[in-house]
Protein backbone atom coordinates (compact mmCIF):
# COMPACT_ATOMS: atom_id res chain seq x y z
CA UNK A 1 0.06 0.09 -0.07
CA UNK A 2 1.38 3.43 -0.84
CA UNK A 3 1.49 6.50 1.37
CA UNK A 4 -1.97 8.18 1.30
CA UNK A 5 -2.41 10.28 -1.68
CA UNK A 6 -2.66 14.10 -0.89
CA UNK A 7 -4.05 13.90 2.58
CA UNK A 8 -5.68 17.14 3.92
CA UNK A 9 -3.25 19.36 5.86
CA UNK A 10 -5.46 22.75 6.14
CA UNK A 11 -7.79 21.75 8.59
CA UNK A 12 -10.68 23.76 10.61
CA UNK A 13 -8.70 24.53 13.67
CA UNK A 14 -5.20 24.39 12.38
CA UNK A 15 -2.72 23.70 9.58
CA UNK A 16 -0.44 20.56 9.64
CA UNK A 17 2.96 21.64 9.41
CA UNK A 18 6.57 20.85 10.58
CA UNK A 19 5.81 17.03 10.10
CA UNK A 20 8.45 14.73 8.13
CA UNK A 21 7.40 13.38 4.78
CA UNK A 22 6.49 9.69 4.56
CA UNK A 23 9.77 7.55 3.74
CA UNK A 24 9.19 6.37 0.19
CA UNK A 25 11.05 3.72 -1.29
CA UNK A 26 14.54 3.51 -0.31
CA UNK A 27 17.36 1.07 -0.41
CA UNK A 28 18.74 -0.03 3.14
CA UNK A 29 21.98 -1.48 1.43
CA UNK A 30 23.14 1.21 -0.94
CA UNK A 31 22.21 4.13 1.78
CA UNK A 32 24.64 2.22 4.22
CA UNK A 33 28.20 3.25 3.64
CA UNK A 34 29.29 1.08 6.74
CA UNK A 35 27.73 -2.18 5.57
CA UNK A 36 28.93 -1.61 1.89
CA UNK A 37 32.70 -0.72 3.08
CA UNK A 38 32.82 -3.58 5.35
CA UNK A 39 31.29 -6.27 2.75
CA UNK A 40 33.58 -5.08 0.29
CA UNK A 41 36.62 -5.10 2.61
CA UNK A 42 35.61 -8.48 3.76
CA UNK A 43 35.75 -10.25 0.49
CA UNK A 44 32.14 -9.67 -0.68
CA UNK A 45 32.53 -7.10 -3.49
CA UNK A 46 30.86 -9.84 -5.66
CA UNK A 47 27.58 -9.72 -3.61
CA UNK A 48 27.16 -6.08 -4.15
CA UNK A 49 24.43 -6.46 -6.89
CA UNK A 50 22.36 -9.33 -5.00
CA UNK A 51 22.48 -6.87 -1.79
CA UNK A 52 21.53 -3.82 -3.78
CA UNK A 53 18.36 -5.50 -4.95
CA UNK A 54 17.59 -7.20 -1.53
CA UNK A 55 17.96 -3.63 0.06
CA UNK A 56 15.41 -1.99 -2.46
CA UNK A 57 13.00 -4.70 -1.48
CA UNK A 58 13.36 -4.44 2.44
CA UNK A 59 13.31 -0.76 2.58
CA UNK A 60 10.18 -0.37 0.50
CA UNK A 61 6.99 1.17 0.99
CA UNK A 62 5.45 -2.31 -0.18
CA UNK A 63 7.65 -4.13 2.41
CA UNK A 64 6.89 -1.71 5.41
CA UNK A 65 3.19 -2.32 4.63
CA UNK A 66 3.51 -5.99 4.64
CA UNK A 67 5.48 -5.81 8.20
CA UNK A 68 2.66 -3.80 9.69
CA UNK A 69 0.04 -6.10 8.40
CA UNK A 70 1.86 -9.01 9.60
CA UNK A 71 2.68 -7.44 12.92
CA UNK A 72 -0.89 -6.42 13.41
CA UNK A 73 -2.55 -9.79 12.53
CA UNK A 74 -0.50 -12.22 14.54
CA UNK A 75 -0.45 -16.02 13.88
CA UNK A 76 -3.48 -18.31 14.98
CA UNK A 77 -3.30 -21.93 16.38
CA UNK A 78 -5.72 -24.19 14.44
CA UNK A 79 -5.63 -27.25 16.88
CA UNK A 80 -8.53 -29.19 15.32
CA UNK A 81 -10.61 -28.62 12.14
CA UNK A 82 -14.45 -28.28 12.20
CA UNK A 83 -14.95 -32.30 12.57
CA UNK A 84 -12.60 -32.43 15.44
CA UNK A 85 -9.93 -33.98 13.56
CA UNK A 86 -6.36 -33.12 14.92
CA UNK A 87 -4.44 -30.46 12.70
CA UNK A 88 -1.72 -28.82 14.88
CA UNK A 89 -1.31 -26.21 12.19
CA UNK A 90 -0.80 -22.28 12.45
CA UNK A 91 -2.50 -19.73 10.25
CA UNK A 92 -0.82 -16.84 9.10
CA UNK A 93 -1.69 -13.73 7.57
CA UNK A 94 -1.09 -13.41 3.69
CA UNK A 95 1.70 -10.60 4.72
CA UNK A 96 3.69 -13.18 6.69
CA UNK A 97 3.78 -15.46 3.60
CA UNK A 98 5.07 -12.59 1.41
CA UNK A 99 7.73 -11.56 3.79
CA UNK A 100 8.65 -15.11 4.03
CA UNK A 101 8.94 -15.13 0.26
CA UNK A 102 11.08 -11.90 0.22
CA UNK A 103 13.69 -13.41 2.57
CA UNK A 104 13.91 -17.01 1.26
CA UNK A 105 13.88 -16.37 -2.31
CA UNK A 106 16.26 -13.27 -1.60
CA UNK A 107 18.69 -15.89 -0.05
CA UNK A 108 18.80 -15.27 3.53
CA UNK A 109 18.70 -19.11 4.30
CA UNK A 110 20.51 -20.55 1.23
CA UNK A 111 22.96 -17.90 0.08
CA UNK A 112 25.89 -18.89 2.63
CA UNK A 113 25.74 -22.53 1.27
CA UNK A 114 25.43 -21.62 -2.51
CA UNK A 115 28.11 -18.71 -2.64
CA UNK A 116 31.52 -19.34 -4.16
CA UNK A 117 33.09 -16.84 -1.64
CA UNK A 118 32.22 -14.89 1.43
CA UNK A 119 29.04 -16.75 1.62
CA UNK A 120 28.50 -16.12 5.65
CA UNK A 121 29.28 -12.34 4.93
CA UNK A 122 26.53 -12.36 2.27
CA UNK A 123 24.08 -14.35 4.80
CA UNK A 124 24.71 -11.88 7.57
CA UNK A 125 24.28 -9.01 5.42
CA UNK A 126 21.07 -10.40 4.04
CA UNK A 127 19.70 -11.12 7.58
CA UNK A 128 20.73 -7.65 8.64
CA UNK A 129 18.52 -5.86 5.91
CA UNK A 130 15.81 -8.43 6.61
CA UNK A 131 15.49 -7.61 10.26
CA UNK A 132 15.09 -4.04 9.71
CA UNK A 133 12.10 -4.80 7.92
CA UNK A 134 10.51 -7.63 10.03
CA UNK A 135 12.50 -9.33 12.63
CA UNK A 136 9.77 -11.84 13.24
CA UNK A 137 10.14 -13.67 9.87
CA UNK A 138 14.01 -13.85 10.20
CA UNK A 139 13.66 -16.36 13.25
CA UNK A 140 12.47 -19.53 10.68
CA UNK A 141 15.09 -18.19 8.10
CA UNK A 142 17.96 -18.22 10.66
CA UNK A 143 17.18 -21.62 11.88
CA UNK A 144 16.96 -22.89 8.41
CA UNK A 145 20.44 -21.43 7.68
CA UNK A 146 21.96 -22.77 10.82
CA UNK A 147 20.60 -26.46 10.64
CA UNK A 148 22.76 -27.13 7.77
CA UNK A 149 25.89 -28.08 9.48
CA UNK A 150 24.05 -29.98 12.23
CA UNK A 151 22.22 -31.98 9.19
CA UNK A 152 25.72 -32.68 7.76
CA UNK A 153 26.52 -35.14 10.67
CA UNK A 154 24.36 -37.63 8.85
CA UNK A 155 25.19 -37.58 5.11
CA UNK A 156 22.06 -39.42 4.31
CA UNK A 157 19.75 -36.86 6.08
CA UNK A 158 21.71 -33.83 4.69
CA UNK A 159 21.28 -35.39 1.00
CA UNK A 160 17.46 -35.28 1.36
CA UNK A 161 17.04 -32.03 3.26
CA UNK A 162 19.85 -29.76 2.54
CA UNK A 163 19.04 -29.56 -1.50
CA UNK A 164 15.69 -28.04 -0.32
CA UNK A 165 17.08 -25.36 2.04
CA UNK A 166 19.57 -24.51 -0.76
CA UNK A 167 16.83 -24.20 -3.36
CA UNK A 168 15.99 -20.73 -1.93
CA UNK A 169 12.36 -21.29 -2.59
CA UNK A 170 9.46 -20.41 -0.23
CA UNK A 171 6.75 -23.13 -0.24
CA UNK A 172 4.00 -22.38 2.41
CA UNK A 173 1.94 -25.62 2.10
CA UNK A 174 1.54 -28.03 4.73
CA UNK A 175 2.73 -30.98 2.85
CA UNK A 176 5.43 -33.73 3.27
CA UNK A 177 8.94 -32.04 2.57
CA UNK A 178 9.36 -34.54 -0.69
CA UNK A 179 6.46 -32.86 -2.12
CA UNK A 180 7.66 -29.24 -1.79
CA UNK A 181 10.00 -26.81 -3.55
CA UNK A 182 11.71 -25.48 -0.48
CA UNK A 183 11.56 -26.29 3.26
CA UNK A 184 12.18 -24.47 6.57
CA UNK A 185 13.72 -25.97 9.54
CA UNK A 186 13.06 -25.06 13.21
CA UNK A 187 14.37 -25.81 16.72
CA UNK A 188 12.97 -27.42 20.00
CA UNK A 189 15.26 -27.72 22.74
CA UNK A 190 14.35 -25.97 26.03
CA UNK A 191 11.95 -27.51 28.62
CA UNK A 192 9.83 -26.07 31.38
CA UNK A 193 12.20 -27.50 34.13
CA UNK A 194 15.42 -26.77 32.66
CA UNK A 195 15.50 -23.89 30.25
CA UNK A 196 19.07 -23.38 29.19
CA UNK A 197 20.23 -26.38 31.11
CA UNK A 198 19.28 -28.79 28.34
CA UNK A 199 20.73 -31.40 30.36
CA UNK A 200 17.93 -31.41 32.69
CA UNK A 201 15.58 -32.30 29.71
CA UNK A 202 13.05 -35.31 30.11
CA UNK A 203 11.89 -36.35 26.85
CA UNK A 204 12.56 -39.70 25.88
CA UNK A 205 13.65 -41.40 22.70
CA UNK A 206 12.68 -45.06 22.16
CA UNK A 207 14.77 -46.81 19.15
CA UNK A 208 12.61 -48.59 16.83
CA UNK A 209 13.37 -50.41 13.54
CA UNK A 210 13.11 -47.35 11.26
CA UNK A 211 14.03 -44.59 13.48
CA UNK A 212 13.03 -43.42 17.04
CA UNK A 213 9.84 -42.44 18.65
CA UNK A 214 10.03 -39.17 20.98
CA UNK A 215 7.67 -38.68 23.99
CA UNK A 216 7.89 -35.49 25.96
CA UNK A 217 7.55 -31.62 25.95
CA UNK A 218 9.33 -28.63 24.63
CA UNK A 219 8.70 -25.30 26.44
CA UNK A 220 9.61 -23.27 23.44
CA UNK A 221 9.47 -24.15 19.83
CA UNK A 222 9.73 -21.29 17.45
CA UNK A 223 8.28 -21.34 13.89
CA UNK A 224 6.20 -24.50 14.46
CA UNK A 225 5.12 -24.59 10.85
CA UNK A 226 8.61 -25.46 10.14
CA UNK A 227 8.74 -28.72 7.82
CA UNK A 228 11.32 -30.35 10.74
CA UNK A 229 12.85 -29.69 13.89
CA UNK A 230 16.32 -30.36 15.54
CA UNK A 231 15.52 -31.38 19.32
CA UNK A 232 17.14 -32.97 22.08
CA UNK A 233 16.05 -36.24 23.92
CA UNK A 234 17.41 -38.88 26.09
CA UNK A 235 18.03 -42.17 24.26
CA UNK A 236 19.72 -45.12 25.75
CA UNK A 237 23.08 -43.61 25.24
CA UNK A 238 22.24 -40.38 26.60
CA UNK A 239 21.14 -36.99 25.31
CA UNK A 240 20.89 -36.94 21.71
CA UNK A 241 20.00 -34.78 18.80
CA UNK A 242 17.25 -35.79 16.45
CA UNK A 243 15.54 -34.49 13.53
CA UNK A 244 11.82 -34.55 13.58
CA UNK A 245 9.88 -34.02 10.53
CA UNK A 246 6.03 -32.84 10.46
CA UNK A 247 5.21 -35.77 8.51
CA UNK A 248 5.99 -39.42 8.90
CA UNK A 249 7.66 -41.70 6.16
CA UNK A 250 4.21 -43.21 5.41
CA UNK A 251 2.61 -39.84 4.74
CA UNK A 252 0.85 -39.43 7.83
CA UNK A 253 1.18 -36.36 10.25
CA UNK A 254 3.61 -36.74 12.79
CA UNK A 255 2.03 -36.50 16.33
CA UNK A 256 3.58 -33.38 17.24
CA UNK A 257 0.99 -31.35 19.39
CA UNK A 258 1.02 -27.83 19.24
CA UNK A 259 -0.29 -26.81 22.91
CA UNK A 260 -0.41 -23.15 22.36
CA UNK A 261 1.39 -20.10 20.97
CA UNK A 262 3.09 -17.86 23.07
CA UNK A 263 1.77 -14.28 23.70
CA UNK A 264 5.00 -12.44 23.41
CA UNK A 265 6.38 -8.84 24.12
CA UNK A 266 7.35 -8.50 20.32
CA UNK A 267 8.44 -10.73 17.55
CA UNK A 268 4.60 -10.69 16.76
CA UNK A 269 4.60 -11.87 13.11
CA UNK A 270 6.45 -15.15 14.11
CA UNK A 271 4.66 -18.07 15.92
CA UNK A 272 6.33 -19.37 18.99
CA UNK A 273 4.77 -22.26 20.64
CA UNK A 274 4.78 -24.80 23.24
CA UNK A 275 4.52 -28.64 21.93
CA UNK A 276 4.58 -32.25 23.01
CA UNK A 277 5.79 -35.08 21.29
CA UNK A 278 3.40 -38.24 21.37
CA UNK A 279 5.36 -40.88 19.96
CA UNK A 280 6.70 -38.62 17.30
CA UNK A 281 8.86 -40.45 14.74
CA UNK A 282 12.30 -38.93 14.45
CA UNK A 283 15.89 -39.67 12.94
CA UNK A 284 19.05 -39.40 14.87
CA UNK A 285 21.63 -36.69 14.26
CA UNK A 286 25.16 -37.64 15.30
CA UNK A 287 25.91 -40.24 17.88
CA UNK A 288 23.55 -41.29 20.88
CA UNK A 289 24.81 -39.27 23.95
CA UNK A 290 26.52 -36.41 21.52
CA UNK A 291 23.60 -34.18 21.23
CA UNK A 292 25.02 -31.10 22.83
CA UNK A 293 27.94 -31.63 20.33
CA UNK A 294 25.72 -32.00 17.55
CA UNK A 295 23.16 -29.25 18.14
CA UNK A 296 25.99 -26.60 18.81
CA UNK A 297 27.04 -26.45 15.46
CA UNK A 298 23.40 -25.04 14.88
CA UNK A 299 23.56 -22.70 17.95
CA UNK A 300 27.00 -21.24 16.72
CA UNK A 301 25.41 -20.21 13.42
CA UNK A 302 22.08 -18.83 15.12
CA UNK A 303 24.35 -16.74 17.26
CA UNK A 304 26.03 -15.23 14.31
CA UNK A 305 22.11 -14.25 13.35
CA UNK A 306 21.45 -12.82 16.94
CA UNK A 307 24.54 -10.33 15.99
CA UNK A 308 23.22 -9.84 12.56
CA UNK A 309 19.54 -9.11 13.70
CA UNK A 310 20.73 -6.72 16.40
CA UNK A 311 22.77 -4.89 14.21
CA UNK A 312 20.15 -4.63 11.38
CA UNK A 313 17.64 -3.43 14.33
CA UNK A 314 19.87 -0.95 15.36
CA UNK A 315 20.36 0.33 11.97
CA UNK A 316 16.82 0.45 11.19
CA UNK A 317 16.03 2.62 14.31
CA UNK A 318 18.97 5.08 13.65
CA UNK A 319 17.51 5.41 9.82
CA UNK A 320 13.96 6.32 11.52
CA UNK A 321 15.39 8.78 13.86
CA UNK A 322 17.86 10.55 11.22
CA UNK A 323 14.86 10.76 8.83
CA UNK A 324 12.53 12.36 11.71
CA UNK A 325 15.00 14.76 13.00
CA UNK A 326 16.23 15.79 9.41
CA UNK A 327 12.66 17.21 8.82
CA UNK A 328 11.49 18.04 12.08
CA UNK A 329 12.24 21.75 13.53
CA UNK A 330 12.25 23.10 17.05
CA UNK A 331 13.43 26.65 17.92
CA UNK A 332 14.18 27.77 14.35
CA UNK A 333 16.61 24.93 13.49
CA UNK A 334 16.05 21.38 12.30
CA UNK A 335 16.32 18.93 15.00
CA UNK A 336 19.29 17.44 13.47
CA UNK A 337 21.18 20.62 13.52
CA UNK A 338 20.65 21.23 17.10
CA UNK A 339 23.96 20.67 19.10
CA UNK A 340 22.64 18.42 21.69
CA UNK A 341 20.78 16.17 19.01
CA UNK A 342 23.80 16.19 16.94
CA UNK A 343 25.78 14.55 19.60
CA UNK A 344 23.01 12.02 20.09
CA UNK A 345 23.03 10.91 16.59
CA UNK A 346 26.65 10.94 16.24
CA UNK A 347 26.97 8.62 19.26
CA UNK A 348 24.22 6.26 17.89
CA UNK A 349 26.26 6.18 14.52
CA UNK A 350 29.46 5.28 16.17
CA UNK A 351 27.47 2.33 17.86
CA UNK A 352 25.55 1.41 14.73
CA UNK A 353 28.62 1.13 12.69
CA UNK A 354 30.75 -0.83 15.39
CA UNK A 355 27.90 -3.29 15.62
CA UNK A 356 27.91 -3.45 11.78
CA UNK A 357 31.61 -3.73 11.27
CA UNK A 358 31.88 -6.48 14.09
CA UNK A 359 29.15 -8.69 12.52
CA UNK A 360 31.18 -8.54 9.27
CA UNK A 361 34.35 -9.42 10.93
CA UNK A 362 32.56 -12.39 12.74
CA UNK A 363 30.88 -13.58 9.53
CA UNK A 364 34.08 -13.28 7.81
CA UNK A 365 35.57 -15.59 10.41
CA UNK A 366 32.77 -18.09 9.46
CA UNK A 367 34.04 -18.02 5.88
CA UNK A 368 37.66 -18.68 6.64
CA UNK A 369 37.30 -21.15 9.52
CA UNK A 370 37.83 -24.18 7.44
CA UNK A 371 41.08 -22.93 5.81
CA UNK A 372 42.84 -20.90 8.91
CA UNK A 373 43.24 -22.04 12.31
CA UNK A 374 43.42 -18.57 13.42
CA UNK A 375 40.20 -17.70 11.96
CA UNK A 376 38.35 -21.00 13.27
CA UNK A 377 39.54 -20.09 16.86
CA UNK A 378 38.44 -16.49 16.74
CA UNK A 379 35.18 -17.74 15.28
CA UNK A 380 34.56 -19.87 18.45
CA UNK A 381 35.54 -17.12 20.80
CA UNK A 382 34.40 -13.85 19.04
CA UNK A 383 30.89 -15.10 18.17
CA UNK A 384 29.72 -15.42 21.73
CA UNK A 385 31.56 -12.13 22.71
CA UNK A 386 30.08 -10.24 19.98
CA UNK A 387 26.56 -11.93 20.48
CA UNK A 388 26.60 -10.72 24.26
CA UNK A 389 27.56 -7.21 23.39
CA UNK A 390 25.70 -6.26 20.53
CA UNK A 391 22.69 -7.83 21.51
CA UNK A 392 22.68 -6.06 24.83
CA UNK A 393 23.22 -2.79 23.31
CA UNK A 394 20.29 -2.99 21.25
CA UNK A 395 17.45 -2.10 23.46
CA UNK A 396 19.17 0.91 25.05
CA UNK A 397 20.07 2.06 21.23
CA UNK A 398 16.32 1.77 19.94
CA UNK A 399 15.23 3.60 23.11
CA UNK A 400 17.57 6.52 22.25
CA UNK A 401 16.45 6.55 18.67
CA UNK A 402 12.70 6.54 19.88
CA UNK A 403 13.65 9.39 21.95
CA UNK A 404 14.47 11.43 19.17
CA UNK A 405 10.96 11.48 18.08
CA UNK A 406 9.49 12.81 21.41
CA UNK A 407 5.90 11.55 22.07
CA UNK A 408 5.20 10.63 18.56
CA UNK A 409 7.84 7.83 18.78
CA UNK A 410 5.78 6.07 21.44
CA UNK A 411 2.66 5.87 19.29
CA UNK A 412 1.96 2.33 17.41
CA UNK A 413 1.27 4.08 14.21
CA UNK A 414 4.80 4.71 13.84
CA UNK A 415 7.80 2.28 13.34
CA UNK A 416 9.37 2.66 16.73
CA UNK A 417 7.22 0.58 18.91
CA UNK A 418 7.65 -2.58 16.86
CA UNK A 419 11.41 -1.75 16.75
CA UNK A 420 11.67 -1.30 20.50
CA UNK A 421 9.39 -4.45 21.38
CA UNK A 422 11.75 -6.67 19.24
CA UNK A 423 14.93 -5.31 20.85
CA UNK A 424 15.66 -7.59 23.74
CA UNK A 425 14.87 -10.75 21.88
CA UNK A 426 18.43 -11.62 20.46
CA UNK A 427 20.02 -10.91 23.95
CA UNK A 428 17.80 -13.85 25.43
CA UNK A 429 17.76 -16.15 22.20
CA UNK A 430 20.68 -18.52 22.08
CA UNK A 431 21.85 -17.97 25.67
CA UNK A 432 21.02 -15.05 27.77
CA UNK A 433 23.82 -12.97 29.04
CA UNK A 434 25.03 -15.16 31.90
CA UNK A 435 24.90 -18.18 29.76
CA UNK A 436 27.10 -16.41 26.88
CA UNK A 437 29.51 -15.06 29.45
CA UNK A 438 30.08 -18.51 30.92
CA UNK A 439 30.29 -19.95 27.63
CA UNK A 440 33.31 -17.61 26.78
CA UNK A 441 34.78 -18.81 30.05
CA UNK A 442 34.53 -22.54 29.09
CA UNK A 443 35.98 -21.64 25.75
CA UNK A 444 39.08 -19.97 26.97
CA UNK A 445 39.74 -22.90 29.64
CA UNK A 446 39.35 -25.75 27.19
CA UNK A 447 40.75 -24.03 24.17
CA UNK A 448 44.03 -22.22 24.79
CA UNK A 449 44.05 -21.30 21.20
CA UNK A 450 40.95 -18.93 21.73
CA UNK A 451 42.97 -16.46 23.76
CA UNK A 452 45.76 -16.36 21.36
CA UNK A 453 43.35 -15.65 18.50
CA UNK A 454 41.90 -12.66 20.52
CA UNK A 455 45.18 -11.23 21.29
CA UNK A 456 46.16 -11.85 17.45
CA UNK A 457 43.24 -10.02 16.36
CA UNK A 458 43.36 -7.16 18.52
CA UNK A 459 46.93 -6.52 17.70
CA UNK A 460 45.89 -5.72 14.22
CA UNK A 461 45.04 -2.06 15.23
CA UNK A 462 47.81 -1.70 17.78
CA UNK A 463 49.59 1.44 17.24
CA UNK A 464 46.52 3.28 15.42
CA UNK A 465 45.26 5.27 18.32
CA UNK A 466 46.87 5.95 21.68
CA UNK A 467 43.36 5.13 23.53
CA UNK A 468 43.16 1.97 21.66
CA UNK A 469 46.71 1.05 22.84
CA UNK A 470 45.84 1.76 26.25
CA UNK A 471 42.73 -0.39 26.13
CA UNK A 472 44.77 -3.23 24.93
CA UNK A 473 47.20 -2.88 27.90
CA UNK A 474 44.27 -2.94 30.30
CA UNK A 475 43.03 -6.29 28.57
CA UNK A 476 46.20 -7.79 29.43
CA UNK A 477 45.43 -7.40 33.13
CA UNK A 478 42.76 -10.24 32.63
CA UNK A 479 45.66 -12.72 32.12
CA UNK A 480 46.73 -12.37 35.77
CA UNK A 481 45.81 -15.40 38.04
CA UNK A 482 42.32 -15.07 39.53
CA UNK A 483 41.47 -12.20 37.30
CA UNK A 484 38.75 -14.12 35.42
CA UNK A 485 35.88 -15.78 37.22
CA UNK A 486 32.26 -16.40 36.90
CA UNK A 487 31.76 -13.02 38.83
CA UNK A 488 34.01 -11.09 36.41
CA UNK A 489 33.12 -12.78 33.37
CA UNK A 490 30.68 -10.23 32.00
CA UNK A 491 33.27 -7.25 32.51
CA UNK A 492 35.63 -9.18 30.62
CA UNK A 493 33.35 -9.97 27.63
CA UNK A 494 32.27 -6.30 27.50
CA UNK A 495 35.99 -5.02 27.35
CA UNK A 496 37.00 -7.52 24.95
CA UNK A 497 33.96 -6.80 22.83
CA UNK A 498 34.88 -3.04 22.80
CA UNK A 499 38.18 -3.91 21.60
CA UNK A 500 36.88 -6.24 18.85
CA UNK A 501 34.52 -3.50 17.79
CA UNK A 502 37.42 -0.88 17.71
CA UNK A 503 39.55 -3.54 15.62
CA UNK A 504 37.01 -4.29 13.03
CA UNK A 505 36.48 -0.21 12.54
CA UNK A 506 40.00 0.17 11.92
CA UNK A 507 39.71 -2.73 9.26
CA UNK A 508 36.49 -1.44 7.62
CA UNK A 509 35.64 2.05 8.55
CA UNK A 510 36.82 5.62 8.10
CA UNK A 511 39.62 7.11 10.30
CA UNK A 512 36.87 9.65 11.68
CA UNK A 513 34.66 6.78 12.81
CA UNK A 514 37.63 4.67 14.18
CA UNK A 515 38.95 7.60 16.02
CA UNK A 516 35.42 8.68 17.42
CA UNK A 517 34.75 5.20 18.57
CA UNK A 518 38.05 5.19 20.41
CA UNK A 519 37.30 8.58 22.09
CA UNK A 520 33.90 7.47 23.12
CA UNK A 521 34.06 4.07 24.24
CA UNK A 522 37.93 3.38 25.15
CA UNK A 523 38.60 6.30 27.46
CA UNK A 524 37.53 5.40 30.90
CA UNK A 525 37.77 9.23 32.03
CA UNK A 526 35.47 10.08 29.11
CA UNK A 527 33.00 7.02 28.85
CA UNK A 528 29.54 8.08 29.69
CA UNK A 529 26.42 5.73 30.34
CA UNK A 530 23.97 7.74 28.32
CA UNK A 531 24.03 8.52 24.50
CA UNK A 532 24.96 11.88 23.56
CA UNK A 533 27.53 12.58 26.34
CA UNK A 534 30.47 12.77 23.99
CA UNK A 535 34.02 14.02 24.65
CA UNK A 536 35.31 16.88 22.68
CA UNK A 537 37.20 16.49 19.38
CA UNK A 538 35.08 14.01 17.74
CA UNK A 539 34.23 15.02 14.11
CA UNK A 540 30.48 14.81 14.38
CA UNK A 541 29.87 16.37 10.81
CA UNK A 542 31.97 13.65 9.15
CA UNK A 543 30.57 10.75 11.14
CA UNK A 544 26.77 11.91 10.62
CA UNK A 545 27.37 12.74 7.24
CA UNK A 546 28.73 8.97 6.59
CA UNK A 547 25.83 7.62 8.46
CA UNK A 548 23.15 9.45 6.84
CA UNK A 549 20.52 7.41 4.90
CA UNK A 550 19.12 10.38 3.16
CA UNK A 551 20.33 12.85 0.69
């Protein structure tokens, strides 16, 4: 739906003035210098055309209208048909299906596995752009992308399912996978009594002649209309990973009962559910007793998507704030020209570009991990560090962008409430803050090469700025015996994340952005808690000009 045609502005009681015009068709990739530059520097030059086309779709009036409709018409559970026959289906608004087509056929789930080079950089960029349009539909796309490494633990299963993932097609029909042109894959791991402690699960798997039968429940199963789910259950040999399709091999519905849909704070276009397995047929992935080892391959990739989704949501919020402040006046000046507002926007621009740059650097490590030991170790340790920090920064960032609007930013007719409701999710999904911080500790204790990879990466920017060098010196204090404990884990991860963001900006951004970030984030004497309290000397004009999504 296009913007209303010539609405009345000369009303009986007043004239409508000083309002920003509607955002028309734009391009979320072409207008984002931070993403463009980082992509090219990370080996993704060949993907510029695909991302330009995708950025036009994700920042179009049509796309924004589809997102609005999908958010305002949430999924509905259809447990039974009119005759009392069990369905366990979820009904979506047509806008949801169209958004799924946008993303899947744009390559969000398939591109990493089809590209000849920089495939994960491409994937992260696509998900970043899609998250700015509608983060809800990104959930099934992300899980579908991330399922591939886990599926590959069994070549026979991968041979059947991976081609349907790599097809890059959206087929919303509820049919057996072999009758469809493309599939989506979900995940169902946590249970009521355990949450992140999956070893407390109680779901049982009974081995049969042609597979396993699962009995139990899952407290969170997102995207329950996926064609199959990776799940954990206890077999005779211990906690094991399984692939549970919605249909049995004989063509009958698998007894996966959708008990209810979650009524969530945000993520409203997507369905999240509680399910029960009533003797559901499943295939084993990996060895019995090695379920966590198998599923962690999927988790590692979905954590990359948490980073990309939060970075994309931050950029979308910044774009809306800049648009509003560029056209709204107060006290005879545009808001964007007011010194106090320029400090806020400069600070948000630094935060957004730092998140974007680190996202691309982590995605690059995924691309190079198979061939370079340093990149493999960096991927393992930098992914949870970046996931922890960027996802935690998103809610405060989006709130500050919302405040740039004043009261109108709090009104549901605009984009900011949707972006704000969505903002906490990625910090919770795939491990909340403590889980992630402790995972970093475990990685460092089990893999000495992880700390070496961090040091090597951080040294790439040594000498580029005195505040950066001072930050590196402070990081060395964490090597002292007893410095790194469960109690200090969050502080360690935060300081490492800031260093990695600065190093990524040194690789991908301009000198003004890198120097501005060092001054605003790495100087203990001038690091303030609220956005906009910047130290003197930062080149605000150059930083804002680079970040502007408008001419």
